[in-house]
Amino acid sequence: MPLPEPGPDEARVRVLAASVGLPDLMMVQGRYPLVPSAPVAPGQEIVGIVDKPGAGYPFPAGTRIMGNSRADIAIGGLAEYTLSPVLGAMPAPA
C-alpha cells in the first residue's frame, strides 16, 4: 500500500505500538458501524514517531506521540504507517 498523505490537522506516523480492542474485532468481522471497505488495518490507539506533519499539526517530524489512528478510513495502527489526527494526540513519554 502507498504511504498515506496527511491532511490538515493530522500527521503521518510511523507506528511503534498499537492496541487491539473490541471495535477492531468488530471492524474485521464487518459488525462495526463505520466499516471502511477492504483492505482494512484496524488498531485505533497508537504510539509512534511523527513522520510527516500536515498543515496545523503541532508536533514536528521526529516527535514521539501517542494518540489515535485513522482506523475509520481503513488506515489503522496495525500498519507500518498511519494517519493520526491532532485531536487526542500528545507527546509520549520516553
PDB file of N, CA and C in Angstrom:
ATOM      1  N   MET A   1       0.846  -1.182   0.000  1.00  0.00           N
ATOM      2  CA  MET A   1       0.000   0.000   0.000  1.00  0.00           C
ATOM      3  C   MET A   1       0.885   1.237   0.000  1.00  0.00           C
ATOM      4  N   PRO A   2       0.474   2.282  -0.704  1.00  0.00           N
ATOM      5  CA  PRO A   2       1.254   3.525  -0.688  1.00  0.00           C
ATOM      6  C   PRO A   2       1.157   4.199   0.681  1.00  0.00           C
ATOM      7  N   LEU A   3       2.166   4.994   1.014  1.00  0.00           N
ATOM      8  CA  LEU A   3       2.133   5.724   2.283  1.00  0.00           C
ATOM      9  C   LEU A   3       0.987   6.723   2.264  1.00  0.00           C
ATOM     10  N   PRO A   4       0.229   6.824   3.358  1.00  0.00           N
ATOM     11  CA  PRO A   4      -0.861   7.800   3.408  1.00  0.00           C
ATOM     12  C   PRO A   4      -0.309   9.219   3.500  1.00  0.00           C
ATOM     13  N   GLU A   5      -0.977  10.154   2.861  1.00  0.00           N
ATOM     14  CA  GLU A   5      -0.581  11.560   2.916  1.00  0.00           C
ATOM     15  C   GLU A   5      -1.451  12.290   3.935  1.00  0.00           C
ATOM     16  N   PRO A   6      -0.828  13.018   4.867  1.00  0.00           N
ATOM     17  CA  PRO A   6      -1.612  13.718   5.886  1.00  0.00           C
ATOM     18  C   PRO A   6      -2.350  14.920   5.314  1.00  0.00           C
ATOM     19  N   GLY A   7      -3.545  15.118   5.833  1.00  0.00           N
ATOM     20  CA  GLY A   7      -4.310  16.310   5.513  1.00  0.00           C
ATOM     21  C   GLY A   7      -4.098  17.347   6.604  1.00  0.00           C
ATOM     22  N   PRO A   8      -4.868  18.425   6.573  1.00  0.00           N
ATOM     23  CA  PRO A   8      -4.753  19.438   7.625  1.00  0.00           C
ATOM     24  C   PRO A   8      -5.057  18.832   8.999  1.00  0.00           C
ATOM     25  N   ASP A   9      -4.315  19.245   9.994  1.00  0.00           N
ATOM     26  CA  ASP A   9      -4.523  18.824  11.386  1.00  0.00           C
ATOM     27  C   ASP A   9      -4.338  17.327  11.616  1.00  0.00           C
ATOM     28  N   GLU A  10      -3.534  16.672  10.797  1.00  0.00           N
ATOM     29  CA  GLU A  10      -3.165  15.282  11.044  1.00  0.00           C
ATOM     30  C   GLU A  10      -1.729  15.064  10.581  1.00  0.00           C
ATOM     31  N   ALA A  11      -1.159  13.950  10.990  1.00  0.00           N
ATOM     32  CA  ALA A  11       0.221  13.638  10.625  1.00  0.00           C
ATOM     33  C   ALA A  11       0.325  12.184  10.215  1.00  0.00           C
ATOM     34  N   ARG A  12       1.276  11.911   9.327  1.00  0.00           N
ATOM     35  CA  ARG A  12       1.628  10.522   9.057  1.00  0.00           C
ATOM     36  C   ARG A  12       2.582  10.100  10.162  1.00  0.00           C
ATOM     37  N   VAL A  13       2.310   8.948  10.759  1.00  0.00           N
ATOM     38  CA  VAL A  13       3.065   8.470  11.912  1.00  0.00           C
ATOM     39  C   VAL A  13       3.606   7.075  11.615  1.00  0.00           C
ATOM     40  N   ARG A  14       4.887   6.868  11.915  1.00  0.00           N
ATOM     41  CA  ARG A  14       5.474   5.526  11.844  1.00  0.00           C
ATOM     42  C   ARG A  14       5.102   4.833  13.148  1.00  0.00           C
ATOM     43  N   VAL A  15       4.329   3.785  13.058  1.00  0.00           N
ATOM     44  CA  VAL A  15       3.763   3.123  14.233  1.00  0.00           C
ATOM     45  C   VAL A  15       4.826   2.295  14.952  1.00  0.00           C
ATOM     46  N   LEU A  16       4.912   2.502  16.271  1.00  0.00           N
ATOM     47  CA  LEU A  16       5.778   1.692  17.128  1.00  0.00           C
ATOM     48  C   LEU A  16       4.973   0.647  17.894  1.00  0.00           C
ATOM     49  N   ALA A  17       3.749   1.003  18.291  1.00  0.00           N
ATOM     50  CA  ALA A  17       2.881   0.093  19.039  1.00  0.00           C
ATOM     51  C   ALA A  17       1.433   0.499  18.801  1.00  0.00           C
ATOM     52  N   ALA A  18       0.548  -0.490  18.834  1.00  0.00           N
ATOM     53  CA  ALA A  18      -0.877  -0.233  18.661  1.00  0.00           C
ATOM     54  C   ALA A  18      -1.664  -1.192  19.538  1.00  0.00           C
ATOM     55  N   SER A  19      -2.817  -0.738  19.989  1.00  0.00           N
ATOM     56  CA  SER A  19      -3.676  -1.608  20.787  1.00  0.00           C
ATOM     57  C   SER A  19      -4.702  -2.277  19.881  1.00  0.00           C
ATOM     58  N   VAL A  20      -5.286  -3.335  20.383  1.00  0.00           N
ATOM     59  CA  VAL A  20      -6.387  -4.010  19.702  1.00  0.00           C
ATOM     60  C   VAL A  20      -7.536  -4.072  20.695  1.00  0.00           C
ATOM     61  N   GLY A  21      -8.665  -3.546  20.304  1.00  0.00           N
ATOM     62  CA  GLY A  21      -9.820  -3.514  21.188  1.00  0.00           C
ATOM     63  C   GLY A  21     -11.055  -4.080  20.512  1.00  0.00           C
ATOM     64  N   LEU A  22     -12.161  -4.048  21.222  1.00  0.00           N
ATOM     65  CA  LEU A  22     -13.421  -4.575  20.705  1.00  0.00           C
ATOM     66  C   LEU A  22     -13.827  -3.925  19.381  1.00  0.00           C
ATOM     67  N   PRO A  23     -13.716  -2.593  19.221  1.00  0.00           N
ATOM     68  CA  PRO A  23     -14.073  -2.017  17.918  1.00  0.00           C
ATOM     69  C   PRO A  23     -13.254  -2.600  16.765  1.00  0.00           C
ATOM     70  N   ASP A  24     -11.987  -2.923  17.023  1.00  0.00           N
ATOM     71  CA  ASP A  24     -11.149  -3.506  15.971  1.00  0.00           C
ATOM     72  C   ASP A  24     -11.654  -4.888  15.577  1.00  0.00           C
ATOM     73  N   LEU A  25     -11.993  -5.706  16.562  1.00  0.00           N
ATOM     74  CA  LEU A  25     -12.542  -7.029  16.289  1.00  0.00           C
ATOM     75  C   LEU A  25     -13.836  -6.909  15.494  1.00  0.00           C
ATOM     76  N   MET A  26     -14.718  -6.010  15.934  1.00  0.00           N
ATOM     77  CA  MET A  26     -15.983  -5.820  15.234  1.00  0.00           C
ATOM     78  C   MET A  26     -15.761  -5.326  13.806  1.00  0.00           C
ATOM     79  N   MET A  27     -14.727  -4.490  13.601  1.00  0.00           N
ATOM     80  CA  MET A  27     -14.443  -3.963  12.271  1.00  0.00           C
ATOM     81  C   MET A  27     -14.071  -5.085  11.302  1.00  0.00           C
ATOM     82  N   VAL A  28     -13.175  -5.971  11.728  1.00  0.00           N
ATOM     83  CA  VAL A  28     -12.758  -7.048  10.823  1.00  0.00           C
ATOM     84  C   VAL A  28     -13.863  -8.089  10.633  1.00  0.00           C
ATOM     85  N   GLN A  29     -14.818  -8.128  11.557  1.00  0.00           N
ATOM     86  CA  GLN A  29     -15.970  -9.021  11.404  1.00  0.00           C
ATOM     87  C   GLN A  29     -17.082  -8.378  10.577  1.00  0.00           C
ATOM     88  N   GLY A  30     -16.919  -7.089  10.231  1.00  0.00           N
ATOM     89  CA  GLY A  30     -17.945  -6.387   9.466  1.00  0.00           C
ATOM     90  C   GLY A  30     -19.131  -5.957  10.292  1.00  0.00           C
ATOM     91  N   ARG A  31     -18.977  -5.885  11.625  1.00  0.00           N
ATOM     92  CA  ARG A  31     -20.085  -5.533  12.515  1.00  0.00           C
ATOM     93  C   ARG A  31     -19.944  -4.145  13.121  1.00  0.00           C
ATOM     94  N   TYR A  32     -18.906  -3.403  12.759  1.00  0.00           N
ATOM     95  CA  TYR A  32     -18.691  -2.066  13.313  1.00  0.00           C
ATOM     96  C   TYR A  32     -19.426  -1.057  12.439  1.00  0.00           C
ATOM     97  N   PRO A  33     -20.096  -0.059  13.038  1.00  0.00           N
ATOM     98  CA  PRO A  33     -20.900   0.879  12.237  1.00  0.00           C
ATOM     99  C   PRO A  33     -20.100   1.646  11.181  1.00  0.00           C
ATOM    100  N   LEU A  34     -18.836   1.930  11.440  1.00  0.00           N
ATOM    101  CA  LEU A  34     -18.029   2.703  10.497  1.00  0.00           C
ATOM    102  C   LEU A  34     -17.044   1.791   9.780  1.00  0.00           C
ATOM    103  N   VAL A  35     -17.540   0.784   9.095  1.00  0.00           N
ATOM    104  CA  VAL A  35     -16.657  -0.182   8.442  1.00  0.00           C
ATOM    105  C   VAL A  35     -16.216   0.360   7.088  1.00  0.00           C
ATOM    106  N   PRO A  36     -14.924   0.669   6.963  1.00  0.00           N
ATOM    107  CA  PRO A  36     -14.423   1.080   5.651  1.00  0.00           C
ATOM    108  C   PRO A  36     -14.294  -0.139   4.746  1.00  0.00           C
ATOM    109  N   SER A  37     -14.187   0.106   3.459  1.00  0.00           N
ATOM    110  CA  SER A  37     -14.029  -1.020   2.539  1.00  0.00           C
ATOM    111  C   SER A  37     -12.611  -1.573   2.632  1.00  0.00           C
ATOM    112  N   ALA A  38     -12.461  -2.844   2.281  1.00  0.00           N
ATOM    113  CA  ALA A  38     -11.159  -3.522   2.354  1.00  0.00           C
ATOM    114  C   ALA A  38     -10.189  -2.882   1.363  1.00  0.00           C
ATOM    115  N   PRO A  39      -8.911  -2.942   1.624  1.00  0.00           N
ATOM    116  CA  PRO A  39      -8.259  -3.545   2.786  1.00  0.00           C
ATOM    117  C   PRO A  39      -8.360  -2.648   4.012  1.00  0.00           C
ATOM    118  N   VAL A  40      -8.450  -3.268   5.168  1.00  0.00           N
ATOM    119  CA  VAL A  40      -8.606  -2.547   6.432  1.00  0.00           C
ATOM    120  C   VAL A  40      -7.438  -2.872   7.346  1.00  0.00           C
ATOM    121  N   ALA A  41      -6.869  -1.849   7.961  1.00  0.00           N
ATOM    122  CA  ALA A  41      -5.869  -2.033   9.015  1.00  0.00           C
ATOM    123  C   ALA A  41      -6.489  -1.501  10.298  1.00  0.00           C
ATOM    124  N   PRO A  42      -6.979  -2.367  11.187  1.00  0.00           N
ATOM    125  CA  PRO A  42      -7.548  -1.891  12.445  1.00  0.00           C
ATOM    126  C   PRO A  42      -6.458  -1.390  13.389  1.00  0.00           C
ATOM    127  N   GLY A  43      -6.853  -1.045  14.590  1.00  0.00           N
ATOM    128  CA  GLY A  43      -5.918  -0.541  15.593  1.00  0.00           C
ATOM    129  C   GLY A  43      -6.121   0.943  15.799  1.00  0.00           C
ATOM    130  N   GLN A  44      -6.889   1.316  16.813  1.00  0.00           N
ATOM    131  CA  GLN A  44      -7.281   2.715  16.973  1.00  0.00           C
ATOM    132  C   GLN A  44      -6.322   3.540  17.816  1.00  0.00           C
ATOM    133  N   GLU A  45      -5.694   2.955  18.811  1.00  0.00           N
ATOM    134  CA  GLU A  45      -4.777   3.711  19.664  1.00  0.00           C
ATOM    135  C   GLU A  45      -3.346   3.350  19.294  1.00  0.00           C
ATOM    136  N   ILE A  46      -2.490   4.372  19.194  1.00  0.00           N
ATOM    137  CA  ILE A  46      -1.123   4.137  18.726  1.00  0.00           C
ATOM    138  C   ILE A  46      -0.093   4.904  19.543  1.00  0.00           C
ATOM    139  N   VAL A  47       1.130   4.451  19.442  1.00  0.00           N
ATOM    140  CA  VAL A  47       2.326   5.205  19.827  1.00  0.00           C
ATOM    141  C   VAL A  47       3.225   5.146  18.609  1.00  0.00           C
ATOM    142  N   GLY A  48       3.793   6.284  18.236  1.00  0.00           N
ATOM    143  CA  GLY A  48       4.655   6.297  17.064  1.00  0.00           C
ATOM    144  C   GLY A  48       5.462   7.571  16.960  1.00  0.00           C
ATOM    145  N   ILE A  49       6.179   7.669  15.853  1.00  0.00           N
ATOM    146  CA  ILE A  49       7.035   8.817  15.567  1.00  0.00           C
ATOM    147  C   ILE A  49       6.417   9.592  14.411  1.00  0.00           C
ATOM    148  N   VAL A  50       6.217  10.907  14.604  1.00  0.00           N
ATOM    149  CA  VAL A  50       5.695  11.740  13.524  1.00  0.00           C
ATOM    150  C   VAL A  50       6.675  11.679  12.355  1.00  0.00           C
ATOM    151  N   ASP A  51       6.178  11.235  11.210  1.00  0.00           N
ATOM    152  CA  ASP A  51       6.987  11.126  10.001  1.00  0.00           C
ATOM    153  C   ASP A  51       6.805  12.347   9.110  1.00  0.00           C
ATOM    154  N   LYS A  52       5.547  12.779   8.958  1.00  0.00           N
ATOM    155  CA  LYS A  52       5.245  13.927   8.102  1.00  0.00           C
ATOM    156  C   LYS A  52       4.023  14.643   8.662  1.00  0.00           C
ATOM    157  N   PRO A  53       4.218  15.791   9.317  1.00  0.00           N
ATOM    158  CA  PRO A  53       3.068  16.530   9.834  1.00  0.00           C
ATOM    159  C   PRO A  53       2.350  17.280   8.715  1.00  0.00           C
ATOM    160  N   GLY A  54       1.032  17.314   8.802  1.00  0.00           N
ATOM    161  CA  GLY A  54       0.242  18.113   7.875  1.00  0.00           C
ATOM    162  C   GLY A  54       0.115  19.536   8.397  1.00  0.00           C
ATOM    163  N   ALA A  55      -0.493  20.405   7.602  1.00  0.00           N
ATOM    164  CA  ALA A  55      -0.688  21.804   7.991  1.00  0.00           C
ATOM    165  C   ALA A  55      -1.491  21.871   9.285  1.00  0.00           C
ATOM    166  N   GLY A  56      -1.011  22.631  10.240  1.00  0.00           N
ATOM    167  CA  GLY A  56      -1.706  22.813  11.505  1.00  0.00           C
ATOM    168  C   GLY A  56      -1.423  21.758  12.549  1.00  0.00           C
ATOM    169  N   TYR A  57      -0.619  20.744  12.217  1.00  0.00           N
ATOM    170  CA  TYR A  57      -0.286  19.715  13.211  1.00  0.00           C
ATOM    171  C   TYR A  57       0.814  20.272  14.107  1.00  0.00           C
ATOM    172  N   PRO A  58       0.643  20.261  15.430  1.00  0.00           N
ATOM    173  CA  PRO A  58       1.565  20.988  16.311  1.00  0.00           C
ATOM    174  C   PRO A  58       2.897  20.307  16.613  1.00  0.00           C
ATOM    175  N   PHE A  59       3.041  19.028  16.276  1.00  0.00           N
ATOM    176  CA  PHE A  59       4.266  18.317  16.640  1.00  0.00           C
ATOM    177  C   PHE A  59       5.118  18.090  15.397  1.00  0.00           C
ATOM    178  N   PRO A  60       6.395  18.454  15.448  1.00  0.00           N
ATOM    179  CA  PRO A  60       7.259  18.320  14.267  1.00  0.00           C
ATOM    180  C   PRO A  60       7.654  16.873  13.998  1.00  0.00           C
ATOM    181  N   ALA A  61       8.162  16.643  12.804  1.00  0.00           N
ATOM    182  CA  ALA A  61       8.679  15.321  12.439  1.00  0.00           C
ATOM    183  C   ALA A  61       9.717  14.893  13.468  1.00  0.00           C
ATOM    184  N   GLY A  62       9.685  13.621  13.826  1.00  0.00           N
ATOM    185  CA  GLY A  62      10.615  13.077  14.810  1.00  0.00           C
ATOM    186  C   GLY A  62      10.069  13.032  16.221  1.00  0.00           C
ATOM    187  N   THR A  63       8.913  13.682  16.467  1.00  0.00           N
ATOM    188  CA  THR A  63       8.310  13.680  17.801  1.00  0.00           C
ATOM    189  C   THR A  63       7.626  12.343  18.064  1.00  0.00           C
ATOM    190  N   ARG A  64       7.890  11.759  19.227  1.00  0.00           N
ATOM    191  CA  ARG A  64       7.206  10.526  19.644  1.00  0.00           C
ATOM    192  C   ARG A  64       5.859  10.937  20.221  1.00  0.00           C
ATOM    193  N   ILE A  65       4.780  10.402  19.665  1.00  0.00           N
ATOM    194  CA  ILE A  65       3.437  10.775  20.116  1.00  0.00           C
ATOM    195  C   ILE A  65       2.626   9.538  20.478  1.00  0.00           C
ATOM    196  N   MET A  66       1.562   9.780  21.230  1.00  0.00           N
ATOM    197  CA  MET A  66       0.533   8.767  21.436  1.00  0.00           C
ATOM    198  C   MET A  66      -0.788   9.427  21.080  1.00  0.00           C
ATOM    199  N   GLY A  67      -1.685   8.648  20.533  1.00  0.00           N
ATOM    200  CA  GLY A  67      -2.964   9.204  20.111  1.00  0.00           C
ATOM    201  C   GLY A  67      -3.780   8.170  19.377  1.00  0.00           C
ATOM    202  N   ASN A  68      -4.599   8.649  18.467  1.00  0.00           N
ATOM    203  CA  ASN A  68      -5.490   7.786  17.698  1.00  0.00           C
ATOM    204  C   ASN A  68      -5.004   7.678  16.262  1.00  0.00           C
ATOM    205  N   SER A  69      -5.388   6.578  15.632  1.00  0.00           N
ATOM    206  CA  SER A  69      -5.107   6.403  14.210  1.00  0.00           C
ATOM    207  C   SER A  69      -6.349   6.805  13.424  1.00  0.00           C
ATOM    208  N   ARG A  70      -6.287   6.642  12.118  1.00  0.00           N
ATOM    209  CA  ARG A  70      -7.454   6.872  11.258  1.00  0.00           C
ATOM    210  C   ARG A  70      -8.037   5.538  10.827  1.00  0.00           C
ATOM    211  N   ALA A  71      -8.294   4.662  11.807  1.00  0.00           N
ATOM    212  CA  ALA A  71      -8.901   3.361  11.512  1.00  0.00           C
ATOM    213  C   ALA A  71     -10.261   3.535  10.842  1.00  0.00           C
ATOM    214  N   ASP A  72     -10.902   4.683  11.073  1.00  0.00           N
ATOM    215  CA  ASP A  72     -12.208   4.940  10.461  1.00  0.00           C
ATOM    216  C   ASP A  72     -12.134   5.023   8.940  1.00  0.00           C
ATOM    217  N   ILE A  73     -10.939   5.268   8.390  1.00  0.00           N
ATOM    218  CA  ILE A  73     -10.784   5.293   6.932  1.00  0.00           C
ATOM    219  C   ILE A  73      -9.847   4.172   6.477  1.00  0.00           C
ATOM    220  N   ALA A  74      -9.758   3.114   7.280  1.00  0.00           N
ATOM    221  CA  ALA A  74      -9.025   1.881   6.951  1.00  0.00           C
ATOM    222  C   ALA A  74      -7.526   1.976   7.146  1.00  0.00           C
ATOM    223  N   ILE A  75      -7.022   3.065   7.720  1.00  0.00           N
ATOM    224  CA  ILE A  75      -5.579   3.203   7.943  1.00  0.00           C
ATOM    225  C   ILE A  75      -5.337   3.184   9.446  1.00  0.00           C
ATOM    226  N   GLY A  76      -5.441   2.016  10.045  1.00  0.00           N
ATOM    227  CA  GLY A  76      -5.303   1.881  11.484  1.00  0.00           C
ATOM    228  C   GLY A  76      -3.879   1.650  11.936  1.00  0.00           C
ATOM    229  N   GLY A  77      -3.738   1.450  13.230  1.00  0.00           N
ATOM    230  CA  GLY A  77      -2.432   1.302  13.847  1.00  0.00           C
ATOM    231  C   GLY A  77      -1.750  -0.026  13.594  1.00  0.00           C
ATOM    232  N   LEU A  78      -2.473  -1.009  13.063  1.00  0.00           N
ATOM    233  CA  LEU A  78      -1.844  -2.285  12.745  1.00  0.00           C
ATOM    234  C   LEU A  78      -1.284  -2.239  11.328  1.00  0.00           C
ATOM    235  N   ALA A  79      -0.634  -1.145  11.037  1.00  0.00           N
ATOM    236  CA  ALA A  79       0.062  -0.919   9.774  1.00  0.00           C
ATOM    237  C   ALA A  79       1.401  -0.273  10.122  1.00  0.00           C
ATOM    238  N   GLU A  80       2.300  -0.247   9.173  1.00  0.00           N
ATOM    239  CA  GLU A  80       3.608   0.357   9.428  1.00  0.00           C
ATOM    240  C   GLU A  80       3.498   1.868   9.615  1.00  0.00           C
ATOM    241  N   TYR A  81       2.629   2.497   8.822  1.00  0.00           N
ATOM    242  CA  TYR A  81       2.369   3.934   8.912  1.00  0.00           C
ATOM    243  C   TYR A  81       0.872   4.137   8.985  1.00  0.00           C
ATOM    244  N   THR A  82       0.449   5.165   9.721  1.00  0.00           N
ATOM    245  CA  THR A  82      -0.953   5.526   9.795  1.00  0.00           C
ATOM    246  C   THR A  82      -1.050   7.041   9.813  1.00  0.00           C
ATOM    247  N   LEU A  83      -2.277   7.544   9.768  1.00  0.00           N
ATOM    248  CA  LEU A  83      -2.526   8.966   9.958  1.00  0.00           C
ATOM    249  C   LEU A  83      -3.078   9.154  11.358  1.00  0.00           C
ATOM    250  N   SER A  84      -2.645  10.214  12.016  1.00  0.00           N
ATOM    251  CA  SER A  84      -3.106  10.500  13.371  1.00  0.00           C
ATOM    252  C   SER A  84      -3.623  11.930  13.427  1.00  0.00           C
ATOM    253  N   PRO A  85      -4.909  12.120  13.772  1.00  0.00           N
ATOM    254  CA  PRO A  85      -5.442  13.475  13.896  1.00  0.00           C
ATOM    255  C   PRO A  85      -4.890  14.171  15.137  1.00  0.00           C
ATOM    256  N   VAL A  86      -4.823  15.497  15.067  1.00  0.00           N
ATOM    257  CA  VAL A  86      -4.286  16.264  16.193  1.00  0.00           C
ATOM    258  C   VAL A  86      -5.163  16.098  17.439  1.00  0.00           C
ATOM    259  N   LEU A  87      -6.472  15.934  17.250  1.00  0.00           N
ATOM    260  CA  LEU A  87      -7.376  15.766  18.386  1.00  0.00           C
ATOM    261  C   LEU A  87      -7.028  14.473  19.110  1.00  0.00           C
ATOM    262  N   GLY A  88      -6.574  14.570  20.320  1.00  0.00           N
ATOM    263  CA  GLY A  88      -6.201  13.408  21.113  1.00  0.00           C
ATOM    264  C   GLY A  88      -4.734  13.050  21.056  1.00  0.00           C
ATOM    265  N   ALA A  89      -3.963  13.694  20.179  1.00  0.00           N
ATOM    266  CA  ALA A  89      -2.526  13.392  20.086  1.00  0.00           C
ATOM    267  C   ALA A  89      -1.756  14.199  21.126  1.00  0.00           C
ATOM    268  N   MET A  90      -0.723  13.586  21.675  1.00  0.00           N
ATOM    269  CA  MET A  90       0.124  14.276  22.650  1.00  0.00           C
ATOM    270  C   MET A  90       1.503  13.635  22.636  1.00  0.00           C
ATOM    271  N   PRO A  91       2.515  14.374  23.075  1.00  0.00           N
ATOM    272  CA  PRO A  91       3.844  13.763  23.157  1.00  0.00           C
ATOM    273  C   PRO A  91       3.809  12.562  24.096  1.00  0.00           C
ATOM    274  N   ALA A  92       4.493  11.503  23.711  1.00  0.00           N
ATOM    275  CA  ALA A  92       4.536  10.283  24.522  1.00  0.00           C
ATOM    276  C   ALA A  92       5.780  10.288  25.395  1.00  0.00           C
ATOM    277  N   PRO A  93       5.666   9.782  26.615  1.00  0.00           N
ATOM    278  CA  PRO A  93       6.858   9.679  27.454  1.00  0.00           C
ATOM    279  C   PRO A  93       7.851   8.687  26.853  1.00  0.00           C
ATOM    280  N   ALA A  94       9.106   8.886  27.164  1.00  0.00           N
ATOM    281  CA  ALA A  94      10.157   8.006  26.621  1.00  0.00           C
ATOM    282  C   ALA A  94      10.106   6.635  27.255  1.00  0.00           C
TER     283      ALA A  94
END
